[in-house]
Amino acid sequence: MAPSDASSGLPSIDANTMTPAVLVGSLMNFFFFGALLIQVYVYAQCFHQDPCVVKCIVYFILLTEVSAVCVNGWDAYQWFAVSFGDVTALLNPRNSPFYAGVVGGLNGLIVQFFFCYRIVVIRRSAWPMAALIALFSLTQCATGMASGIYAYVYPIEEWSTGALIVFPTWLAGSALVEILIAATMTYLLISATGSVQPSTRDLIKALVGLIIETNIFTAAVAIAALALFLGRPKSNYFVGPTWNLSGIYANTLLTILNNRARPRRSAVEGWGEDTVDISFARTDTVTSVGSIAEMTFAGRQSGAFQRTGARELGGKK
C-alpha cells in the first residue's frame, strides 16, 4: 500500500479511494489466474514432449500463481467480509506485498530470462543485447522483491524516501525490459524474412504480432501503475496493476508456448496438421528463416507444409 506520514512530508492516503483499487485488483487477479489455468491445460495436452526444463518453468510459475491467488483470496476475505464496512481496514496491506512485489518480480525475472534465451537462440551474436536485458531484468526483480519485503516488514507510516525510489524503479524497469524484448525480438524475426515463402512469412509475422502484443501489454500495465503511483500519490489506484503483473507475466509465457498449437488450415494455405512444434536447439546466426523456425517450429511438420517448407525451415521430415 502507499505510504502516509504527514510528519515526514510523505503523501497521505484518502481511505475512501482504496476500495475500488483493492476490489478491482483482486478480481483481475482471479481473472488472470483463470486464464492461466486454461493455458496450462492446453500446454499439458499439446506439449508434453517439451524439454524438462521448460515444463519445470511452466509448472513452477503455476505454483507461484496458485499461492499468490490463494493469499489474495484470503486478504480479500479479510478486507471485504471480516472487516465489512470498515474502510480503514484497507489501510492494512496484509499479504499484498507478497503477490505484488515478490511474486511479480520473480515471475517477471523467469519470463524475461526465457525471452533472453530465445534472443540468443535466434542470433548468437545478439548476446550483448540479451545480457543487457537480463541485467535490467535482475534489477527489476531485485527492486520488486525489495519493495514487497519492505512493505511487508514496515508499517505504512514508516515508509522512507528510499522505499519511494525503489518502488518506481521496479515498475520502470519492468516496462523497459518488456519494451526492449519486444523491439529486439521483432527486429531479429523481421530481418530474417527477406526471401521466404509466403506461408512461412505469414507465420513469422503472426509470431511477431503476438510478441509485440504480449510484451507491450505487460509494459503498458507497469507504466499505468507507475503513472498512478506518481500522478495520484494520495490515492491507492496503483495497487491493482501491481497485483496483476505476476499473472500477466505467467500468461505471456504460456501464450507464447501455446501459440505453437495452430488451428487446422486449408490445403490452399499449405497446412497438413493441427499443430507444429518447437525446437529449443541453439543456432549461431540468422542467415535464413531456418534459424527462426527452430525457435518456433520443428519436429512434427507434415503434409503440404512439410513438402513446401522443410527445406526452407530446415525442419525434420
C-alpha atoms as a PDB file:
ATOM      1  CA  MET A   1       0.000   0.000   0.000  1.00  0.00           C
ATOM      2  CA  ALA A   2       1.006   3.587  -0.344  1.00  0.00           C
ATOM      3  CA  PRO A   3       2.855   5.491   2.369  1.00  0.00           C
ATOM      4  CA  SER A   4       1.275   8.025   4.668  1.00  0.00           C
ATOM      5  CA  ASP A   5       3.179  10.135   7.134  1.00  0.00           C
ATOM      6  CA  ALA A   6       2.408  13.823   7.484  1.00  0.00           C
ATOM      7  CA  SER A   7       5.353  14.478   9.830  1.00  0.00           C
ATOM      8  CA  SER A   8       7.847  13.283   7.257  1.00  0.00           C
ATOM      9  CA  GLY A   9       6.213  15.070   4.369  1.00  0.00           C
ATOM     10  CA  LEU A  10       5.115  11.857   2.671  1.00  0.00           C
ATOM     11  CA  PRO A  11       1.734  11.938   0.919  1.00  0.00           C
ATOM     12  CA  SER A  12      -1.313  10.834   2.883  1.00  0.00           C
ATOM     13  CA  ILE A  13      -3.977   8.462   1.577  1.00  0.00           C
ATOM     14  CA  ASP A  14      -7.681   9.034   1.443  1.00  0.00           C
ATOM     15  CA  ALA A  15      -9.042   5.669   2.592  1.00  0.00           C
ATOM     16  CA  ASN A  16     -12.245   6.201   0.592  1.00  0.00           C
ATOM     17  CA  THR A  17     -10.280   5.886  -2.656  1.00  0.00           C
ATOM     18  CA  MET A  18      -8.841   2.498  -1.726  1.00  0.00           C
ATOM     19  CA  THR A  19     -11.902   0.272  -2.089  1.00  0.00           C
ATOM     20  CA  PRO A  20     -12.139   0.334  -5.923  1.00  0.00           C
ATOM     21  CA  ALA A  21      -8.422  -0.324  -6.366  1.00  0.00           C
ATOM     22  CA  VAL A  22      -8.321  -3.238  -3.953  1.00  0.00           C
ATOM     23  CA  LEU A  23     -11.545  -4.793  -5.264  1.00  0.00           C
ATOM     24  CA  VAL A  24     -10.718  -4.459  -8.963  1.00  0.00           C
ATOM     25  CA  GLY A  25      -7.139  -5.585  -8.394  1.00  0.00           C
ATOM     26  CA  SER A  26      -8.316  -8.738  -6.615  1.00  0.00           C
ATOM     27  CA  LEU A  27     -10.941  -9.534  -9.256  1.00  0.00           C
ATOM     28  CA  MET A  28      -8.440  -9.107 -12.080  1.00  0.00           C
ATOM     29  CA  ASN A  29      -6.025 -11.368 -10.227  1.00  0.00           C
ATOM     30  CA  PHE A  30      -8.654 -14.102 -10.231  1.00  0.00           C
ATOM     31  CA  PHE A  31      -9.374 -13.438 -13.909  1.00  0.00           C
ATOM     32  CA  PHE A  32      -5.744 -13.828 -14.958  1.00  0.00           C
ATOM     33  CA  PHE A  33      -5.446 -16.953 -12.824  1.00  0.00           C
ATOM     34  CA  GLY A  34      -8.455 -18.499 -14.556  1.00  0.00           C
ATOM     35  CA  ALA A  35      -6.911 -17.712 -17.934  1.00  0.00           C
ATOM     36  CA  LEU A  36      -3.643 -19.248 -16.763  1.00  0.00           C
ATOM     37  CA  LEU A  37      -5.349 -22.499 -15.766  1.00  0.00           C
ATOM     38  CA  ILE A  38      -6.749 -22.842 -19.274  1.00  0.00           C
ATOM     39  CA  GLN A  39      -3.348 -22.075 -20.770  1.00  0.00           C
ATOM     40  CA  VAL A  40      -1.616 -24.652 -18.602  1.00  0.00           C
ATOM     41  CA  TYR A  41      -4.220 -27.273 -19.520  1.00  0.00           C
ATOM     42  CA  VAL A  42      -3.637 -26.612 -23.233  1.00  0.00           C
ATOM     43  CA  TYR A  43       0.111 -26.779 -22.699  1.00  0.00           C
ATOM     44  CA  ALA A  44      -0.111 -30.057 -20.799  1.00  0.00           C
ATOM     45  CA  GLN A  45      -2.267 -31.625 -23.521  1.00  0.00           C
ATOM     46  CA  CYS A  46      -0.280 -30.435 -26.545  1.00  0.00           C
ATOM     47  CA  PHE A  47       3.348 -30.137 -25.480  1.00  0.00           C
ATOM     48  CA  HIS A  48       4.078 -32.921 -23.021  1.00  0.00           C
ATOM     49  CA  GLN A  49       7.216 -33.714 -25.037  1.00  0.00           C
ATOM     50  CA  ASP A  50       8.830 -30.351 -24.295  1.00  0.00           C
ATOM     51  CA  PRO A  51      12.214 -30.400 -22.545  1.00  0.00           C
ATOM     52  CA  CYS A  52      12.035 -30.960 -18.814  1.00  0.00           C
ATOM     53  CA  VAL A  53      13.424 -27.517 -18.031  1.00  0.00           C
ATOM     54  CA  VAL A  54      10.612 -25.809 -19.942  1.00  0.00           C
ATOM     55  CA  LYS A  55       7.978 -27.881 -18.195  1.00  0.00           C
ATOM     56  CA  CYS A  56       9.574 -27.104 -14.833  1.00  0.00           C
ATOM     57  CA  ILE A  57       9.383 -23.392 -15.606  1.00  0.00           C
ATOM     58  CA  VAL A  58       5.731 -23.644 -16.571  1.00  0.00           C
ATOM     59  CA  TYR A  59       4.672 -25.602 -13.503  1.00  0.00           C
ATOM     60  CA  PHE A  60       6.804 -23.535 -11.148  1.00  0.00           C
ATOM     61  CA  ILE A  61       5.115 -20.377 -12.394  1.00  0.00           C
ATOM     62  CA  LEU A  62       1.754 -22.095 -11.982  1.00  0.00           C
ATOM     63  CA  LEU A  63       2.692 -22.940  -8.400  1.00  0.00           C
ATOM     64  CA  THR A  64       3.638 -19.348  -7.623  1.00  0.00           C
ATOM     65  CA  GLU A  65       0.370 -18.116  -9.095  1.00  0.00           C
ATOM     66  CA  VAL A  66      -1.654 -20.640  -7.108  1.00  0.00           C
ATOM     67  CA  SER A  67      -0.006 -19.436  -3.899  1.00  0.00           C
ATOM     68  CA  ALA A  68      -0.452 -15.774  -4.856  1.00  0.00           C
ATOM     69  CA  VAL A  69      -4.139 -16.143  -5.689  1.00  0.00           C
ATOM     70  CA  CYS A  70      -4.843 -18.116  -2.525  1.00  0.00           C
ATOM     71  CA  VAL A  71      -3.197 -15.451  -0.411  1.00  0.00           C
ATOM     72  CA  ASN A  72      -5.035 -12.722  -2.334  1.00  0.00           C
ATOM     73  CA  GLY A  73      -8.307 -14.546  -1.750  1.00  0.00           C
ATOM     74  CA  TRP A  74      -7.648 -14.701   1.979  1.00  0.00           C
ATOM     75  CA  ASP A  75      -6.805 -10.997   2.046  1.00  0.00           C
ATOM     76  CA  ALA A  76      -9.962 -10.165   0.108  1.00  0.00           C
ATOM     77  CA  TYR A  77     -11.993 -12.171   2.626  1.00  0.00           C
ATOM     78  CA  GLN A  78     -10.453 -10.196   5.472  1.00  0.00           C
ATOM     79  CA  TRP A  79     -10.958  -6.850   3.739  1.00  0.00           C
ATOM     80  CA  PHE A  80     -14.472  -7.275   2.428  1.00  0.00           C
ATOM     81  CA  ALA A  81     -16.057  -9.865   4.740  1.00  0.00           C
ATOM     82  CA  VAL A  82     -14.459  -9.785   8.173  1.00  0.00           C
ATOM     83  CA  SER A  83     -13.938  -6.014   8.044  1.00  0.00           C
ATOM     84  CA  PHE A  84     -17.090  -5.222   6.050  1.00  0.00           C
ATOM     85  CA  GLY A  85     -17.976  -1.552   6.383  1.00  0.00           C
ATOM     86  CA  ASP A  86     -14.614  -0.589   7.850  1.00  0.00           C
ATOM     87  CA  VAL A  87     -12.857   1.244   5.037  1.00  0.00           C
ATOM     88  CA  THR A  88      -9.831   1.936   7.210  1.00  0.00           C
ATOM     89  CA  ALA A  89      -9.153  -1.813   7.256  1.00  0.00           C
ATOM     90  CA  LEU A  90      -7.976  -1.393   3.668  1.00  0.00           C
ATOM     91  CA  LEU A  91      -5.042   0.603   5.014  1.00  0.00           C
ATOM     92  CA  ASN A  92      -3.615  -2.715   6.176  1.00  0.00           C
ATOM     93  CA  PRO A  93      -1.776  -4.226   3.191  1.00  0.00           C
ATOM     94  CA  ARG A  94      -1.887  -7.678   4.785  1.00  0.00           C
ATOM     95  CA  ASN A  95      -0.080 -10.042   2.427  1.00  0.00           C
ATOM     96  CA  SER A  96      -0.387  -7.979  -0.766  1.00  0.00           C
ATOM     97  CA  PRO A  97       3.372  -7.209  -0.885  1.00  0.00           C
ATOM     98  CA  PHE A  98       3.917 -10.944  -1.427  1.00  0.00           C
ATOM     99  CA  TYR A  99       1.843 -11.278  -4.598  1.00  0.00           C
ATOM    100  CA  ALA A 100       2.767  -7.827  -5.864  1.00  0.00           C
ATOM    101  CA  GLY A 101       6.489  -7.262  -5.430  1.00  0.00           C
ATOM    102  CA  VAL A 102       7.841 -10.702  -4.524  1.00  0.00           C
ATOM    103  CA  VAL A 103       5.882 -12.957  -6.895  1.00  0.00           C
ATOM    104  CA  GLY A 104       5.653 -10.252  -9.563  1.00  0.00           C
ATOM    105  CA  GLY A 105       9.403  -9.660  -9.527  1.00  0.00           C
ATOM    106  CA  LEU A 106      10.220 -13.366  -9.515  1.00  0.00           C
ATOM    107  CA  ASN A 107       7.845 -14.346 -12.318  1.00  0.00           C
ATOM    108  CA  GLY A 108       8.968 -11.338 -14.316  1.00  0.00           C
ATOM    109  CA  LEU A 109      12.582 -12.462 -13.979  1.00  0.00           C
ATOM    110  CA  ILE A 110      11.789 -16.007 -15.111  1.00  0.00           C
ATOM    111  CA  VAL A 111       9.757 -14.956 -18.150  1.00  0.00           C
ATOM    112  CA  GLN A 112      12.207 -12.246 -19.177  1.00  0.00           C
ATOM    113  CA  PHE A 113      15.157 -14.631 -18.898  1.00  0.00           C
ATOM    114  CA  PHE A 114      13.233 -17.052 -21.114  1.00  0.00           C
ATOM    115  CA  PHE A 115      12.990 -14.332 -23.773  1.00  0.00           C
ATOM    116  CA  CYS A 116      16.693 -13.534 -23.348  1.00  0.00           C
ATOM    117  CA  TYR A 117      17.474 -17.168 -24.054  1.00  0.00           C
ATOM    118  CA  ARG A 118      15.285 -17.085 -27.149  1.00  0.00           C
ATOM    119  CA  ILE A 119      17.103 -13.981 -28.393  1.00  0.00           C
ATOM    120  CA  VAL A 120      20.426 -15.831 -28.176  1.00  0.00           C
ATOM    121  CA  VAL A 121      18.897 -18.865 -29.878  1.00  0.00           C
ATOM    122  CA  ILE A 122      17.706 -16.747 -32.789  1.00  0.00           C
ATOM    123  CA  ARG A 123      21.036 -14.973 -33.224  1.00  0.00           C
ATOM    124  CA  ARG A 124      24.003 -15.812 -31.064  1.00  0.00           C
ATOM    125  CA  SER A 125      25.714 -12.543 -31.954  1.00  0.00           C
ATOM    126  CA  ALA A 126      22.869 -10.710 -30.206  1.00  0.00           C
ATOM    127  CA  TRP A 127      24.076 -11.924 -26.799  1.00  0.00           C
ATOM    128  CA  PRO A 128      25.157  -8.406 -25.681  1.00  0.00           C
ATOM    129  CA  MET A 129      21.564  -7.198 -26.022  1.00  0.00           C
ATOM    130  CA  ALA A 130      20.320 -10.307 -24.251  1.00  0.00           C
ATOM    131  CA  ALA A 131      22.828  -9.698 -21.455  1.00  0.00           C
ATOM    132  CA  LEU A 132      21.709  -6.073 -21.148  1.00  0.00           C
ATOM    133  CA  ILE A 133      18.071  -7.118 -20.948  1.00  0.00           C
ATOM    134  CA  ALA A 134      18.985  -9.759 -18.360  1.00  0.00           C
ATOM    135  CA  LEU A 135      20.747  -7.103 -16.287  1.00  0.00           C
ATOM    136  CA  PHE A 136      17.703  -4.834 -16.355  1.00  0.00           C
ATOM    137  CA  SER A 137      15.556  -7.859 -15.529  1.00  0.00           C
ATOM    138  CA  LEU A 138      17.663  -8.634 -12.469  1.00  0.00           C
ATOM    139  CA  THR A 139      17.282  -5.005 -11.421  1.00  0.00           C
ATOM    140  CA  GLN A 140      13.507  -5.065 -11.696  1.00  0.00           C
ATOM    141  CA  CYS A 141      13.359  -8.350  -9.807  1.00  0.00           C
ATOM    142  CA  ALA A 142      15.584  -7.086  -7.002  1.00  0.00           C
ATOM    143  CA  THR A 143      13.713  -3.799  -6.638  1.00  0.00           C
ATOM    144  CA  GLY A 144      10.346  -5.560  -6.858  1.00  0.00           C
ATOM    145  CA  MET A 145      11.250  -8.007  -4.119  1.00  0.00           C
ATOM    146  CA  ALA A 146      12.777  -5.206  -2.054  1.00  0.00           C
ATOM    147  CA  SER A 147       9.571  -3.189  -2.386  1.00  0.00           C
ATOM    148  CA  GLY A 148       7.468  -6.175  -1.362  1.00  0.00           C
ATOM    149  CA  ILE A 149       9.637  -7.127   1.603  1.00  0.00           C
ATOM    150  CA  TYR A 150       9.890  -3.517   2.785  1.00  0.00           C
ATOM    151  CA  ALA A 151       6.132  -3.023   2.593  1.00  0.00           C
ATOM    152  CA  TYR A 152       5.564  -6.306   4.423  1.00  0.00           C
ATOM    153  CA  VAL A 153       8.029  -5.640   7.252  1.00  0.00           C
ATOM    154  CA  TYR A 154       7.418  -1.943   7.888  1.00  0.00           C
ATOM    155  CA  PRO A 155       4.068  -0.289   8.582  1.00  0.00           C
ATOM    156  CA  ILE A 156       2.854   2.303   6.115  1.00  0.00           C
ATOM    157  CA  GLU A 157       3.766   5.131   8.470  1.00  0.00           C
ATOM    158  CA  GLU A 158       7.417   4.078   8.484  1.00  0.00           C
ATOM    159  CA  TRP A 159       7.981   4.039   4.750  1.00  0.00           C
ATOM    160  CA  SER A 160      11.122   6.000   3.970  1.00  0.00           C
ATOM    161  CA  THR A 161      12.052   8.089   0.974  1.00  0.00           C
ATOM    162  CA  GLY A 162      14.259   5.220  -0.191  1.00  0.00           C
ATOM    163  CA  ALA A 163      11.230   2.981  -0.482  1.00  0.00           C
ATOM    164  CA  LEU A 164       9.572   5.597  -2.654  1.00  0.00           C
ATOM    165  CA  ILE A 165      12.543   5.342  -5.022  1.00  0.00           C
ATOM    166  CA  VAL A 166      12.772   1.553  -5.147  1.00  0.00           C
ATOM    167  CA  PHE A 167       9.098   1.047  -5.972  1.00  0.00           C
ATOM    168  CA  PRO A 168       9.056   3.255  -9.122  1.00  0.00           C
ATOM    169  CA  THR A 169      12.370   1.701 -10.161  1.00  0.00           C
ATOM    170  CA  TRP A 170      10.717  -1.717 -10.159  1.00  0.00           C
ATOM    171  CA  LEU A 171       7.829  -0.586 -12.358  1.00  0.00           C
ATOM    172  CA  ALA A 172      10.013   1.454 -14.714  1.00  0.00           C
ATOM    173  CA  GLY A 173      12.460  -1.428 -15.024  1.00  0.00           C
ATOM    174  CA  SER A 174       9.670  -3.875 -15.798  1.00  0.00           C
ATOM    175  CA  ALA A 175       8.326  -1.635 -18.559  1.00  0.00           C
ATOM    176  CA  LEU A 176      11.791  -1.028 -20.012  1.00  0.00           C
ATOM    177  CA  VAL A 177      12.630  -4.728 -20.162  1.00  0.00           C
ATOM    178  CA  GLU A 178       9.366  -5.604 -21.904  1.00  0.00           C
ATOM    179  CA  ILE A 179       9.861  -2.878 -24.497  1.00  0.00           C
ATOM    180  CA  LEU A 180      13.445  -3.978 -25.161  1.00  0.00           C
ATOM    181  CA  ILE A 181      12.343  -7.603 -25.560  1.00  0.00           C
ATOM    182  CA  ALA A 182       9.575  -6.680 -27.978  1.00  0.00           C
ATOM    183  CA  ALA A 183      11.872  -4.436 -30.037  1.00  0.00           C
ATOM    184  CA  THR A 184      14.745  -6.931 -30.152  1.00  0.00           C
ATOM    185  CA  MET A 185      12.633  -9.959 -30.996  1.00  0.00           C
ATOM    186  CA  THR A 186      10.754  -8.016 -33.665  1.00  0.00           C
ATOM    187  CA  TYR A 187      13.966  -6.829 -35.311  1.00  0.00           C
ATOM    188  CA  LEU A 188      15.564 -10.288 -35.305  1.00  0.00           C
ATOM    189  CA  LEU A 189      12.498 -12.012 -36.689  1.00  0.00           C
ATOM    190  CA  ILE A 190      11.661  -9.414 -39.343  1.00  0.00           C
ATOM    191  CA  SER A 191      15.281  -9.230 -40.506  1.00  0.00           C
ATOM    192  CA  ALA A 192      15.158 -12.932 -41.402  1.00  0.00           C
ATOM    193  CA  THR A 193      12.049 -12.872 -43.590  1.00  0.00           C
ATOM    194  CA  GLY A 194      13.556 -11.471 -46.765  1.00  0.00           C
ATOM    195  CA  SER A 195      13.329 -14.376 -49.211  1.00  0.00           C
ATOM    196  CA  VAL A 196      10.965 -16.915 -47.762  1.00  0.00           C
ATOM    197  CA  GLN A 197       7.752 -18.447 -48.963  1.00  0.00           C
ATOM    198  CA  PRO A 198       4.520 -16.589 -48.161  1.00  0.00           C
ATOM    199  CA  SER A 199       3.228 -19.244 -45.771  1.00  0.00           C
ATOM    200  CA  THR A 200       6.404 -19.087 -43.682  1.00  0.00           C
ATOM    201  CA  ARG A 201       6.439 -15.304 -43.775  1.00  0.00           C
ATOM    202  CA  ASP A 202       2.872 -15.217 -42.503  1.00  0.00           C
ATOM    203  CA  LEU A 203       3.790 -17.498 -39.622  1.00  0.00           C
ATOM    204  CA  ILE A 204       6.696 -15.323 -38.596  1.00  0.00           C
ATOM    205  CA  LYS A 205       4.611 -12.168 -38.872  1.00  0.00           C
ATOM    206  CA  ALA A 206       1.991 -13.775 -36.652  1.00  0.00           C
ATOM    207  CA  LEU A 207       4.687 -14.593 -34.107  1.00  0.00           C
ATOM    208  CA  VAL A 208       5.992 -11.027 -34.240  1.00  0.00           C
ATOM    209  CA  GLY A 209       2.498  -9.678 -33.686  1.00  0.00           C
ATOM    210  CA  LEU A 210       1.997 -11.970 -30.705  1.00  0.00           C
ATOM    211  CA  ILE A 211       5.300 -10.942 -29.130  1.00  0.00           C
ATOM    212  CA  ILE A 212       4.515  -7.255 -29.568  1.00  0.00           C
ATOM    213  CA  GLU A 213       1.016  -7.625 -28.166  1.00  0.00           C
ATOM    214  CA  THR A 214       2.006  -9.583 -25.072  1.00  0.00           C
ATOM    215  CA  ASN A 215       5.147  -7.652 -24.157  1.00  0.00           C
ATOM    216  CA  ILE A 216       3.726  -4.226 -24.878  1.00  0.00           C
ATOM    217  CA  PHE A 217       0.620  -5.062 -22.855  1.00  0.00           C
ATOM    218  CA  THR A 218       2.796  -6.006 -19.889  1.00  0.00           C
ATOM    219  CA  ALA A 219       4.795  -2.804 -20.307  1.00  0.00           C
ATOM    220  CA  ALA A 220       1.585  -0.770 -20.509  1.00  0.00           C
ATOM    221  CA  VAL A 221       0.330  -2.224 -17.215  1.00  0.00           C
ATOM    222  CA  ALA A 222       3.625  -1.414 -15.495  1.00  0.00           C
ATOM    223  CA  ILE A 223       3.603   2.118 -16.927  1.00  0.00           C
ATOM    224  CA  ALA A 224       0.000   2.595 -15.817  1.00  0.00           C
ATOM    225  CA  ALA A 225       0.909   1.535 -12.282  1.00  0.00           C
ATOM    226  CA  LEU A 226       3.899   3.884 -12.294  1.00  0.00           C
ATOM    227  CA  ALA A 227       1.814   6.785 -13.615  1.00  0.00           C
ATOM    228  CA  LEU A 228      -0.852   6.207 -10.962  1.00  0.00           C
ATOM    229  CA  PHE A 229       1.762   5.990  -8.229  1.00  0.00           C
ATOM    230  CA  LEU A 230       3.455   9.225  -9.280  1.00  0.00           C
ATOM    231  CA  GLY A 231       0.394  11.112 -10.531  1.00  0.00           C
ATOM    232  CA  ARG A 232      -2.107  10.205  -7.802  1.00  0.00           C
ATOM    233  CA  PRO A 233       0.003   9.904  -4.643  1.00  0.00           C
ATOM    234  CA  LYS A 234      -2.993  10.482  -2.352  1.00  0.00           C
ATOM    235  CA  SER A 235      -4.868   7.534  -3.826  1.00  0.00           C
ATOM    236  CA  ASN A 236      -4.195   3.850  -3.885  1.00  0.00           C
ATOM    237  CA  TYR A 237      -5.134   3.249  -7.506  1.00  0.00           C
ATOM    238  CA  PHE A 238      -1.714   1.882  -8.384  1.00  0.00           C
ATOM    239  CA  VAL A 239      -2.122  -1.313  -6.340  1.00  0.00           C
ATOM    240  CA  GLY A 240      -4.406  -3.042  -8.853  1.00  0.00           C
ATOM    241  CA  PRO A 241      -1.921  -3.092 -11.754  1.00  0.00           C
ATOM    242  CA  THR A 242       0.951  -4.120  -9.486  1.00  0.00           C
ATOM    243  CA  TRP A 243      -1.026  -7.083  -8.145  1.00  0.00           C
ATOM    244  CA  ASN A 244      -1.785  -8.208 -11.700  1.00  0.00           C
ATOM    245  CA  LEU A 245       1.757  -8.122 -13.066  1.00  0.00           C
ATOM    246  CA  SER A 246       2.653 -11.649 -11.954  1.00  0.00           C
ATOM    247  CA  GLY A 247      -0.451 -13.106 -13.610  1.00  0.00           C
ATOM    248  CA  ILE A 248       0.253 -11.183 -16.798  1.00  0.00           C
ATOM    249  CA  TYR A 249       3.835 -12.467 -16.888  1.00  0.00           C
ATOM    250  CA  ALA A 250       2.624 -16.038 -16.436  1.00  0.00           C
ATOM    251  CA  ASN A 251       0.009 -15.738 -19.173  1.00  0.00           C
ATOM    252  CA  THR A 252       2.574 -14.144 -21.502  1.00  0.00           C
ATOM    253  CA  LEU A 253       4.866 -17.149 -21.243  1.00  0.00           C
ATOM    254  CA  LEU A 254       2.068 -19.671 -21.730  1.00  0.00           C
ATOM    255  CA  THR A 255       0.636 -17.688 -24.637  1.00  0.00           C
ATOM    256  CA  ILE A 256       3.975 -17.800 -26.447  1.00  0.00           C
ATOM    257  CA  LEU A 257       4.400 -21.509 -25.787  1.00  0.00           C
ATOM    258  CA  ASN A 258       0.823 -22.436 -26.684  1.00  0.00           C
ATOM    259  CA  ASN A 259       0.941 -20.389 -29.864  1.00  0.00           C
ATOM    260  CA  ARG A 260       2.704 -23.378 -31.393  1.00  0.00           C
ATOM    261  CA  ALA A 261      -0.651 -25.145 -31.451  1.00  0.00           C
ATOM    262  CA  ARG A 262      -2.137 -23.835 -34.686  1.00  0.00           C
ATOM    263  CA  PRO A 263      -5.694 -24.357 -35.861  1.00  0.00           C
ATOM    264  CA  ARG A 264      -6.171 -26.542 -38.899  1.00  0.00           C
ATOM    265  CA  ARG A 265      -5.675 -24.606 -42.094  1.00  0.00           C
ATOM    266  CA  SER A 266      -6.985 -25.381 -45.508  1.00  0.00           C
ATOM    267  CA  ALA A 267      -4.882 -27.166 -48.082  1.00  0.00           C
ATOM    268  CA  VAL A 268      -4.714 -23.956 -50.085  1.00  0.00           C
ATOM    269  CA  GLU A 269      -2.637 -22.393 -47.321  1.00  0.00           C
ATOM    270  CA  GLY A 270      -0.285 -25.343 -47.328  1.00  0.00           C
ATOM    271  CA  TRP A 271      -1.074 -26.819 -43.918  1.00  0.00           C
ATOM    272  CA  GLY A 272      -1.490 -30.501 -43.210  1.00  0.00           C
ATOM    273  CA  GLU A 273      -1.521 -30.893 -39.411  1.00  0.00           C
ATOM    274  CA  ASP A 274      -3.264 -29.305 -36.457  1.00  0.00           C
ATOM    275  CA  THR A 275      -0.084 -28.403 -34.609  1.00  0.00           C
ATOM    276  CA  VAL A 276       3.516 -27.578 -35.188  1.00  0.00           C
ATOM    277  CA  ASP A 277       6.129 -27.925 -32.534  1.00  0.00           C
ATOM    278  CA  ILE A 278       9.039 -26.004 -31.140  1.00  0.00           C
ATOM    279  CA  SER A 279      12.711 -26.792 -31.036  1.00  0.00           C
ATOM    280  CA  PHE A 280      14.921 -25.476 -28.269  1.00  0.00           C
ATOM    281  CA  ALA A 281      18.111 -26.065 -30.219  1.00  0.00           C
ATOM    282  CA  ARG A 282      20.740 -23.342 -30.359  1.00  0.00           C
ATOM    283  CA  THR A 283      21.725 -21.654 -33.599  1.00  0.00           C
ATOM    284  CA  ASP A 284      24.686 -19.435 -34.386  1.00  0.00           C
ATOM    285  CA  THR A 285      23.290 -16.833 -36.749  1.00  0.00           C
ATOM    286  CA  VAL A 286      20.171 -15.958 -38.584  1.00  0.00           C
ATOM    287  CA  THR A 287      21.205 -16.397 -42.173  1.00  0.00           C
ATOM    288  CA  SER A 288      17.897 -17.841 -43.237  1.00  0.00           C
ATOM    289  CA  VAL A 289      14.483 -18.366 -41.827  1.00  0.00           C
ATOM    290  CA  GLY A 290      15.568 -21.858 -40.803  1.00  0.00           C
ATOM    291  CA  SER A 291      17.097 -20.466 -37.646  1.00  0.00           C
ATOM    292  CA  ILE A 292      13.878 -18.652 -36.851  1.00  0.00           C
ATOM    293  CA  ALA A 293      11.912 -21.793 -37.491  1.00  0.00           C
ATOM    294  CA  GLU A 294      13.976 -23.700 -34.975  1.00  0.00           C
ATOM    295  CA  MET A 295      12.635 -21.296 -32.388  1.00  0.00           C
ATOM    296  CA  THR A 296       9.017 -21.549 -33.366  1.00  0.00           C
ATOM    297  CA  PHE A 297       8.536 -24.734 -35.342  1.00  0.00           C
ATOM    298  CA  ALA A 298      10.118 -28.135 -35.992  1.00  0.00           C
ATOM    299  CA  GLY A 299       9.636 -31.776 -35.364  1.00  0.00           C
ATOM    300  CA  ARG A 300       6.105 -32.763 -36.398  1.00  0.00           C
ATOM    301  CA  GLN A 301       5.645 -30.874 -39.649  1.00  0.00           C
ATOM    302  CA  SER A 302       3.851 -32.958 -42.219  1.00  0.00           C
ATOM    303  CA  GLY A 303       1.640 -32.892 -45.245  1.00  0.00           C
ATOM    304  CA  ALA A 304       1.769 -29.959 -47.627  1.00  0.00           C
ATOM    305  CA  PHE A 305       3.529 -27.792 -45.055  1.00  0.00           C
ATOM    306  CA  GLN A 306       6.377 -30.270 -44.776  1.00  0.00           C
ATOM    307  CA  ARG A 307       6.718 -30.621 -48.510  1.00  0.00           C
ATOM    308  CA  THR A 308       6.782 -26.890 -49.155  1.00  0.00           C
ATOM    309  CA  GLY A 309       8.633 -25.716 -46.079  1.00  0.00           C
ATOM    310  CA  ALA A 310      11.034 -28.452 -44.999  1.00  0.00           C
ATOM    311  CA  ARG A 311      13.992 -27.151 -46.976  1.00  0.00           C
ATOM    312  CA  GLU A 312      13.196 -23.558 -46.033  1.00  0.00           C
ATOM    313  CA  LEU A 313      12.714 -24.240 -42.336  1.00  0.00           C
ATOM    314  CA  GLY A 314      15.435 -26.779 -42.025  1.00  0.00           C
ATOM    315  CA  GLY A 315      12.957 -28.977 -40.141  1.00  0.00           C
ATOM    316  CA  LYS A 316      12.942 -32.715 -39.793  1.00  0.00           C
ATOM    317  CA  LYS A 317      10.921 -34.814 -42.139  1.00  0.00           C
END
